[in-house]
Protein backbone atom coordinates (compact mmCIF):
# COMPACT_ATOMS: atom_id res chain seq x y z
CA MET A 1 30.46 -85.01 -34.57
CA THR A 2 32.67 -84.58 -31.93
CA SER A 3 31.85 -82.39 -28.67
CA GLU A 4 34.31 -80.17 -30.35
CA ASN A 5 32.43 -79.73 -33.33
CA ASN A 6 29.33 -79.55 -31.75
CA ASP A 7 30.54 -76.49 -29.72
CA LYS A 8 31.93 -75.23 -32.97
CA GLN A 9 28.68 -75.28 -35.22
CA ALA A 10 26.86 -74.00 -32.14
CA LYS A 11 28.79 -70.71 -32.22
CA LEU A 12 29.28 -70.80 -35.83
CA LYS A 13 25.24 -70.68 -35.77
CA GLY A 14 25.30 -67.79 -33.43
CA ILE A 15 27.32 -65.89 -35.62
CA ILE A 16 24.50 -66.15 -38.38
CA LYS A 17 22.00 -65.47 -35.80
CA GLN A 18 23.83 -62.19 -34.20
CA LEU A 19 23.66 -61.18 -38.05
CA HIS A 20 20.33 -61.71 -38.23
CA ALA A 21 19.84 -59.14 -34.91
CA GLY A 22 21.69 -56.55 -36.52
CA VAL A 23 25.13 -56.98 -34.91
CA PRO A 24 27.75 -55.09 -36.82
CA VAL A 25 30.02 -57.41 -39.27
CA ASP A 26 33.08 -55.90 -38.06
CA LYS A 27 31.84 -56.84 -34.06
CA LEU A 28 31.59 -60.38 -34.86
CA LYS A 29 35.03 -60.65 -36.75
CA LYS A 30 36.50 -59.70 -33.74
CA SER A 31 34.63 -61.45 -31.06
CA PHE A 32 34.72 -64.94 -33.36
CA ALA A 33 38.46 -64.48 -34.71
CA ASP A 34 39.62 -67.76 -32.88
CA ILE A 35 36.68 -69.96 -34.73
CA ILE A 36 36.84 -68.59 -37.83
CA LYS A 37 40.81 -69.22 -38.07
CA GLN A 38 39.45 -73.24 -37.34
CA THR A 39 36.55 -73.24 -39.83
CA SER A 40 36.44 -75.51 -42.79
CA PRO A 41 34.07 -74.70 -45.85
CA GLU A 42 32.67 -78.31 -45.13
CA GLU A 43 32.18 -76.87 -41.46
CA ILE A 44 30.19 -73.48 -43.10
CA ALA A 45 27.95 -75.49 -45.43
CA ASP A 46 27.01 -77.85 -42.79
CA MET A 47 26.04 -74.60 -40.73
CA GLU A 48 23.79 -73.40 -43.27
CA ASN A 49 22.12 -76.71 -43.78
CA ALA A 50 21.73 -77.20 -40.30
CA LEU A 51 20.16 -73.77 -39.82
CA ILE A 52 17.59 -74.53 -42.62
CA GLN A 53 16.72 -78.22 -40.66
CA GLU A 54 15.75 -76.28 -37.83
CA GLY A 55 13.39 -74.17 -39.43
CA PHE A 56 15.32 -70.88 -39.84
CA PRO A 57 13.74 -69.42 -43.26
CA VAL A 58 16.09 -70.40 -46.20
CA GLU A 59 15.15 -66.73 -47.49
CA GLU A 60 17.20 -65.38 -44.14
CA VAL A 61 20.07 -67.54 -44.77
CA GLN A 62 20.19 -66.32 -48.14
CA ARG A 63 20.03 -62.68 -47.64
CA LEU A 64 22.65 -62.74 -44.97
CA CYS A 65 24.87 -65.18 -47.60
CA ASP A 66 26.71 -62.49 -48.79
CA VAL A 67 27.73 -61.51 -45.06
CA HIS A 68 28.73 -65.15 -44.15
CA ALA A 69 31.23 -64.66 -46.98
CA GLN A 70 32.87 -61.54 -45.04
CA VAL A 71 32.64 -62.67 -41.76
CA PHE A 72 34.28 -66.00 -43.22
CA GLU A 73 36.43 -64.66 -45.63
CA LYS A 74 40.01 -64.90 -44.37
CA SER A 75 39.30 -68.86 -43.59
CA LEU A 76 37.59 -69.81 -46.76
CA LYS A 77 40.84 -67.87 -48.84
CA LYS A 78 42.67 -70.60 -46.94
CA ALA A 79 40.65 -73.84 -48.67
CA GLY A 80 42.25 -75.37 -51.40
CA LYS A 81 40.63 -76.00 -55.10
CA PRO A 82 39.44 -79.31 -55.49
CA GLY A 83 38.98 -80.75 -59.04
CA LYS A 84 42.60 -80.38 -60.52
CA ILE A 85 42.08 -83.18 -63.36
CA PRO A 86 40.78 -81.59 -66.64
CA GLY A 87 37.45 -82.95 -67.16
CA HIS A 88 35.96 -83.73 -63.74
CA PRO A 89 33.05 -81.64 -63.08
CA ILE A 90 34.62 -79.51 -60.29
CA TYR A 91 37.25 -78.71 -62.65
CA THR A 92 34.90 -77.75 -65.72
CA PHE A 93 33.01 -75.42 -63.17
CA ILE A 94 36.16 -73.83 -62.02
CA GLU A 95 37.25 -73.11 -65.88
CA GLU A 96 33.67 -71.39 -66.66
CA ASN A 97 34.15 -69.17 -63.82
CA LYS A 98 37.25 -68.09 -64.90
CA GLN A 99 35.60 -67.22 -68.43
CA ALA A 100 33.00 -65.37 -66.56
CA ARG A 101 35.12 -63.22 -64.45
CA ARG A 102 36.63 -62.30 -67.86
CA ILE A 103 34.15 -61.96 -69.71
CA LEU A 104 32.84 -59.59 -66.49
CA LYS A 105 36.23 -57.56 -66.87
CA ASP A 106 35.18 -56.98 -70.51
CA LEU A 107 32.07 -55.77 -69.77
CA ASN A 108 32.97 -53.40 -67.03
CA LYS A 109 35.00 -51.98 -69.67
CA ALA A 110 32.50 -51.63 -72.32
CA VAL A 111 29.81 -50.17 -70.10
CA LYS A 112 32.31 -47.40 -69.01
CA LYS A 113 31.47 -45.55 -72.96
CA LEU A 114 27.57 -45.93 -72.17
CA LYS A 115 27.26 -43.38 -69.35
CA THR A 116 25.28 -41.10 -71.51
CA ASP A 117 22.04 -41.50 -73.76
CA ASN A 118 23.45 -41.17 -76.63
CA PRO A 119 26.42 -43.38 -76.99
CA LYS A 120 28.54 -44.49 -80.05
CA GLU A 121 26.94 -47.63 -82.21
CA LYS A 122 30.52 -49.18 -82.01
CA ASP A 123 30.23 -48.95 -78.36
CA ILE A 124 27.15 -50.18 -77.93
CA ARG A 125 27.45 -53.26 -80.31
CA ILE A 126 30.61 -54.10 -77.90
CA PHE A 127 28.72 -54.11 -75.15
CA LYS A 128 26.09 -56.21 -76.54
CA GLU A 129 28.52 -58.87 -77.85
CA HIS A 130 29.62 -59.17 -74.46
CA PHE A 131 26.60 -59.45 -72.74
CA THR A 132 25.26 -61.74 -74.64
CA SER A 133 28.32 -63.74 -74.26
CA LEU A 134 27.93 -63.24 -70.45
CA LYS A 135 24.56 -64.79 -70.74
CA GLU A 136 25.64 -68.07 -71.59
CA ILE A 137 26.43 -68.73 -67.80
CA GLU A 138 23.22 -69.69 -66.85
CA LYS A 139 24.08 -73.35 -68.68
CA HIS A 140 26.80 -73.56 -65.36
CA TYR A 141 23.38 -72.89 -63.10
CA GLN A 142 21.26 -74.84 -64.88
CA ARG A 143 23.95 -77.75 -64.04
CA LYS A 144 24.46 -77.30 -60.72
CA GLU A 145 20.65 -76.98 -60.26
CA ASN A 146 19.97 -80.69 -62.38
CA GLN A 147 23.37 -82.52 -61.88
CA LEU A 148 25.23 -81.28 -58.59
CA PHE A 149 22.28 -80.76 -56.39
CA PRO A 150 20.28 -83.67 -56.58
CA MET A 151 23.26 -85.52 -55.73
CA LEU A 152 23.97 -83.43 -52.09
CA GLU A 153 20.08 -83.81 -51.38
CA ALA A 154 20.63 -87.29 -51.74
CA LYS A 155 22.72 -87.01 -48.78
CA LYS A 156 20.25 -84.82 -47.09
CA PHE A 157 22.44 -82.11 -47.64
CA THR A 158 19.86 -79.41 -49.00
CA GLY A 159 20.20 -76.32 -47.47
CA PRO A 160 22.92 -74.57 -48.90
CA THR A 161 21.79 -75.89 -52.66
CA LYS A 162 18.11 -73.90 -51.89
CA VAL A 163 20.09 -70.93 -50.42
CA MET A 164 22.28 -71.34 -54.01
CA TRP A 165 19.13 -71.65 -56.31
CA GLY A 166 18.14 -68.50 -54.63
CA LYS A 167 21.32 -66.66 -55.51
CA HIS A 168 20.95 -68.03 -59.08
CA ASP A 169 17.96 -66.58 -59.40
CA GLU A 170 18.88 -62.95 -58.24
CA ILE A 171 21.23 -63.13 -60.65
CA ARG A 172 19.00 -63.81 -63.65
CA GLU A 173 16.71 -61.19 -62.75
CA MET A 174 19.50 -59.12 -62.84
CA ILE A 175 20.25 -60.12 -66.06
CA LYS A 176 16.66 -59.67 -67.37
CA GLU A 177 16.52 -55.79 -65.89
CA VAL A 178 19.86 -55.30 -67.64
CA ASP A 179 18.19 -56.86 -70.76
CA GLY A 180 15.35 -54.77 -70.32
CA LEU A 181 17.24 -51.65 -70.38
CA ILE A 182 19.06 -52.36 -73.88
CA LYS A 183 15.90 -53.23 -75.09
CA SER A 184 14.25 -49.79 -74.05
CA GLN A 185 17.74 -47.94 -75.25
CA LYS A 186 18.16 -46.54 -71.58
CA TRP A 187 21.89 -46.76 -71.74
CA GLY A 188 22.64 -44.31 -68.88
CA GLY A 189 21.08 -46.62 -66.42
CA LEU A 190 23.40 -49.90 -67.65
CA PRO A 191 26.24 -48.93 -65.50
CA ASN A 192 24.70 -49.06 -61.99
CA LYS A 193 22.96 -52.84 -62.92
CA MET A 194 25.97 -53.87 -64.44
CA HIS A 195 27.89 -52.73 -61.37
CA SER A 196 25.18 -54.84 -59.29
CA LEU A 197 25.24 -58.00 -61.60
CA SER A 198 29.03 -57.99 -61.97
CA ASN A 199 29.27 -58.27 -57.93
CA ALA A 200 26.68 -60.47 -57.01
CA MET A 201 28.24 -63.10 -59.99
CA LYS A 202 31.64 -62.47 -58.15
CA LYS A 203 30.37 -63.02 -54.95
CA LEU A 204 28.33 -66.42 -56.12
CA ILE A 205 31.54 -67.51 -57.83
CA PHE A 206 33.41 -66.95 -54.62
CA LEU A 207 30.71 -69.19 -52.87
CA GLU A 208 31.01 -72.14 -55.22
CA GLU A 209 34.66 -72.19 -55.13
CA LYS A 210 35.46 -71.84 -51.92
CA ILE A 211 32.21 -73.54 -49.85
CA LEU A 212 30.18 -75.50 -52.44
CA TYR A 213 32.79 -77.52 -54.53
CA PRO A 214 35.22 -78.56 -51.46
CA THR A 215 32.28 -79.56 -49.59
CA SER A 216 30.97 -81.66 -52.68
CA ALA A 217 34.24 -82.95 -53.27
CA LYS A 218 34.30 -84.41 -49.46
CA LYS A 219 30.56 -85.44 -49.59
CA MET A 220 30.67 -87.40 -52.68
CA ASN A 221 32.45 -90.76 -54.49
CA THR A 222 34.06 -90.62 -57.60
CA ARG A 223 30.81 -92.92 -58.81
CA GLU A 224 28.58 -90.16 -58.20
CA TRP A 225 30.78 -87.71 -59.90
CA ALA A 226 31.27 -90.14 -62.56
CA GLU A 227 27.21 -89.84 -62.74
CA ILE A 228 27.12 -86.04 -62.97
CA LYS A 229 29.74 -85.88 -65.49
CA LEU A 230 27.92 -88.81 -67.88
CA GLY A 231 24.81 -85.97 -67.68
CA GLU A 232 26.21 -83.13 -68.56
CA PRO A 233 25.75 -82.94 -71.99
CA GLU A 234 21.88 -82.95 -71.90
CA ILE A 235 22.19 -79.30 -70.60
CA GLY A 236 25.35 -78.35 -72.01
CA TYR A 237 28.30 -75.97 -70.87
CA SER A 238 29.01 -72.13 -70.48
CA TRP A 239 32.24 -71.34 -72.91
CA VAL A 240 34.01 -74.62 -72.39
CA LYS A 241 34.55 -77.53 -73.67
CA PRO A 242 35.80 -80.51 -70.95
CA SER A 243 38.43 -82.26 -71.63
CA ASN A 244 38.15 -86.14 -71.40
CA LEU A 245 41.23 -86.61 -69.55
CA TRP A 246 39.36 -87.83 -66.26
CA ASP A 247 36.74 -90.39 -67.78
CA ALA A 248 33.89 -90.76 -66.64
CA GLN A 249 32.90 -94.40 -67.48
CA LEU A 250 36.51 -95.83 -66.82
CA ALA A 251 36.15 -93.92 -62.87
CA LYS A 252 32.47 -95.05 -62.62
CA ALA A 253 33.52 -98.78 -63.33
CA THR A 254 36.14 -98.72 -60.87
CA GLN A 255 33.47 -98.32 -57.97
CA PRO A 256 31.26 -100.62 -56.55
CA ILE A 257 27.69 -100.87 -57.91
CA PRO A 258 24.89 -99.85 -55.61
CA ALA A 259 21.97 -101.54 -54.43
CA PRO A 260 19.40 -102.26 -56.91
CA ASN A 261 17.10 -100.23 -54.35
CA GLN A 262 19.45 -97.49 -53.72
CA THR A 263 20.38 -94.84 -57.00
CA GLU A 264 20.22 -97.72 -59.32
CA SER A 265 17.89 -100.54 -60.62
CA THR A 266 18.14 -103.07 -62.58
CA PRO A 267 16.09 -102.51 -66.20
CA GLN A 268 13.22 -104.26 -67.52
CA LYS A 269 14.00 -106.62 -69.80
CA GLN A 270 13.20 -104.81 -72.78
CA SER A 271 11.59 -107.60 -75.18
CA ALA A 272 8.85 -108.63 -72.52
CA LYS A 273 5.41 -107.67 -73.52
CA ILE A 274 3.71 -105.24 -71.25
CA GLN A 275 -0.08 -105.47 -71.12
CA LEU A 276 -1.61 -101.80 -71.09
CA SER A 277 -5.44 -100.96 -71.24
CA GLN A 278 -5.43 -101.27 -74.85
CA GLY A 279 -2.92 -103.24 -76.14
CA LEU A 280 0.48 -104.76 -75.80
CA LEU A 281 3.77 -102.86 -76.21
CA THR A 282 7.53 -104.02 -75.18
CA ALA A 283 9.38 -101.51 -72.91
CA ASP A 284 11.51 -100.53 -76.50
CA GLN A 285 8.18 -99.63 -77.68
CA VAL A 286 7.12 -97.69 -74.75
CA ASP A 287 10.22 -95.66 -74.53
CA ALA A 288 10.37 -94.96 -78.28
CA LEU A 289 6.66 -93.68 -78.22
CA LEU A 290 7.24 -91.12 -75.69
CA LYS A 291 10.31 -89.93 -76.82
CA HIS A 292 8.72 -89.19 -80.51
CA LEU A 293 5.86 -87.53 -78.73
CA PRO A 294 5.88 -83.77 -79.93
CA VAL A 295 5.93 -82.78 -76.18
CA ASP A 296 8.22 -83.17 -73.09
CA ILE A 297 6.60 -85.03 -70.60
CA THR A 298 7.92 -85.30 -66.77
CA PHE A 299 5.96 -87.93 -64.37
CA VAL A 300 5.90 -87.28 -60.40
CA ASP A 301 4.78 -90.10 -58.35
CA GLU A 302 2.48 -89.92 -55.47
CA ASN A 303 5.62 -89.87 -52.95
CA ASP A 304 6.70 -86.38 -55.00
CA LYS A 305 9.56 -88.10 -56.25
CA VAL A 306 10.23 -87.55 -59.83
CA CYS A 307 9.92 -91.02 -61.60
CA TYR A 308 10.42 -90.12 -65.29
CA TYR A 309 11.11 -87.83 -67.70
CA SER A 310 11.17 -87.86 -71.62
CA GLU A 311 13.77 -87.57 -73.91
CA THR A 312 12.48 -85.48 -77.15
CA LYS A 313 14.45 -83.99 -79.75
CA GLU A 314 14.18 -80.66 -78.63
CA ARG A 315 13.93 -80.77 -74.84
CA ILE A 316 12.53 -76.81 -73.47
CA PHE A 317 13.71 -77.47 -69.59
CA PRO A 318 16.91 -78.76 -68.83
CA ARG A 319 16.41 -82.39 -67.35
CA SER A 320 19.27 -85.31 -66.53
CA PRO A 321 19.29 -88.14 -65.18
CA ALA A 322 19.98 -86.79 -61.47
CA ILE A 323 16.62 -85.74 -61.18
CA ILE A 324 15.16 -89.55 -61.20
CA GLY A 325 14.18 -89.84 -57.51
CA ARG A 326 14.35 -86.65 -56.76
CA ASP A 327 11.80 -84.70 -54.67
CA VAL A 328 9.95 -82.37 -57.27
CA GLN A 329 9.71 -79.87 -54.78
CA ASN A 330 13.83 -79.55 -54.62
CA CYS A 331 13.70 -79.28 -58.47
CA HIS A 332 12.37 -75.68 -58.07
CA PRO A 333 13.64 -72.60 -56.79
CA GLN A 334 12.25 -72.02 -53.29
CA LYS A 335 10.58 -68.95 -53.98
CA SER A 336 7.99 -71.13 -56.25
CA VAL A 337 7.67 -74.47 -54.21
CA HIS A 338 4.41 -73.01 -52.57
CA ILE A 339 3.13 -73.02 -56.06
CA VAL A 340 4.33 -76.78 -56.50
CA ASN A 341 3.01 -78.00 -52.99
CA ASP A 342 -0.33 -76.20 -53.53
CA ILE A 343 -0.95 -77.88 -57.22
CA ILE A 344 0.02 -81.15 -55.40
CA LYS A 345 -2.27 -80.77 -52.64
CA ASN A 346 -5.25 -79.87 -55.03
CA PHE A 347 -4.94 -82.87 -56.90
CA ARG A 348 -4.52 -85.05 -54.12
CA GLU A 349 -7.79 -83.88 -53.12
CA LYS A 350 -9.17 -83.74 -56.25
CA LYS A 351 -10.29 -80.21 -56.07
CA LYS A 352 -8.68 -79.20 -59.10
CA ASP A 353 -8.41 -81.42 -62.52
CA LYS A 354 -5.75 -79.28 -64.29
CA ALA A 355 -2.85 -76.11 -63.85
CA VAL A 356 -2.14 -74.35 -66.64
CA PHE A 357 0.61 -71.51 -67.58
CA TRP A 358 2.20 -70.19 -70.33
CA ILE A 359 5.45 -67.80 -70.13
CA HIS A 360 7.81 -66.58 -72.88
CA MET A 361 11.21 -67.47 -73.01
CA GLN A 362 14.01 -67.13 -75.38
CA GLY A 363 11.82 -66.41 -78.39
CA LYS A 364 9.59 -69.24 -77.79
CA PHE A 365 5.79 -69.15 -76.26
CA ILE A 366 6.30 -72.33 -73.88
CA TYR A 367 2.74 -73.79 -73.18
CA ILE A 368 3.00 -75.80 -69.63
CA ARG A 369 0.50 -78.14 -68.02
CA TYR A 370 -0.30 -80.21 -65.51
CA PHE A 371 -2.82 -83.06 -64.91
CA PRO A 372 -3.54 -85.62 -61.93
CA VAL A 373 -2.81 -89.30 -62.14
CA TYR A 374 -5.26 -91.97 -60.68
CA ASP A 375 -5.67 -95.82 -60.69
CA LYS A 376 -8.55 -97.44 -61.28
CA GLU A 377 -9.91 -96.91 -57.74
CA GLY A 378 -9.61 -93.02 -57.85
CA THR A 379 -6.21 -93.39 -56.05
CA TYR A 380 -3.86 -90.50 -56.41
CA LYS A 381 -0.87 -91.98 -58.43
CA GLY A 382 0.76 -88.45 -59.16
CA VAL A 383 1.38 -85.50 -61.38
CA ILE A 384 2.51 -85.39 -65.04
CA GLU A 385 3.33 -82.20 -66.48
CA VAL A 386 3.38 -81.60 -69.94
CA THR A 387 5.06 -78.52 -72.17
CA GLN A 388 5.01 -77.55 -75.48
CA GLU A 389 6.45 -75.01 -77.45
CA ILE A 390 3.26 -73.30 -79.47
CA SER A 391 4.36 -70.70 -80.77
CA GLU A 392 3.18 -71.66 -84.69
CA MET A 393 -0.25 -72.77 -83.05
CA THR A 394 -1.11 -69.41 -82.46
CA GLN A 395 -0.53 -68.33 -85.91
CA LEU A 396 -2.71 -70.76 -87.26
CA LYS A 397 -6.04 -69.60 -89.20
CA GLY A 398 -8.81 -70.84 -91.04
CA GLU A 399 -7.98 -74.40 -91.73
CA ARG A 400 -5.84 -77.38 -93.72
CA ARG A 401 -7.46 -79.88 -95.00
CA LEU A 402 -4.87 -81.30 -97.89
CA LEU A 403 -1.76 -82.42 -97.15
CA ASP A 404 0.79 -79.91 -97.98
CA TRP A 405 4.61 -80.79 -96.72
């Protein structure tokens, strides 16, 4: 980084710190107008990353994120949109954003007819239909969290991804609040909640298209984008079906293969027998066995790196190849990282032998358990996560001793 860039970076960080100290936005716009004109989306993202690396709380950067956009708005609007080829991950993200804007527009029209506590059934039905469609945005967020963010983290670019994940969670919470009003039929409260949700989603779209995607386009090569594209179907898409004009396999083939000790490794010979504590299995047999377990399994090693996840038929939580090698702390929203660290700490110190959670999600009853893994000498080797949908189990009564298909 040149001395000029260092100076600009320092001044940009100064803007955020002054905002944190309570200096009005309008004053900062005037004071730093000359800097704003020369600031690229990548520099803004680098600035946020640098602040977090220096110890500035992620929550503070997240809280100020909307204000950042206001301060830098004029500069950001000059940035060009990347991903012009249909099928490229950025193109798909942007197409989903277009659909999100359209649905928000329809919702804003529909919610105006629900201002009373006794709206017409037709108006309620139309609003519910649009809102159900809006909730498809979850796949858009999950692809960012599980596909795009790991690639950026591998380049030591973690600050902005943590901030944006926090924004996802804020929107998820707002969606839950709207759902709660619908279930309790408190129609009069919907307009204000929808106004807040709509504004939050539009601001996030702005930050995605003016900061995240341009920065990602500069930091990542064609092969990395191909890896993202190939892992997308595991999670799915929001409203759109991506084109194959941007061919991931072809794009990947045109790029140099990384060294085995980097992002890819030479696969083990599948026919070789693996000596287990009880029995011998080939790698193919081990893989098939794990895939057919009626539970989801994820394994994190002693260095807190995700090493494995099982590809079961009905996966509960989204996973994609991009998480392999990822720090487990980066696989969770910032607000819950302390829980992850607490579990690992207690397992390392052998103070606990399991951690158990259960949640209701999308009509399912999810049972989540974590267990420590130790070698023969008792050395901590990692943690295994076991996730299972147990709605049917909770209904069991009495006994079944005869085969009944």
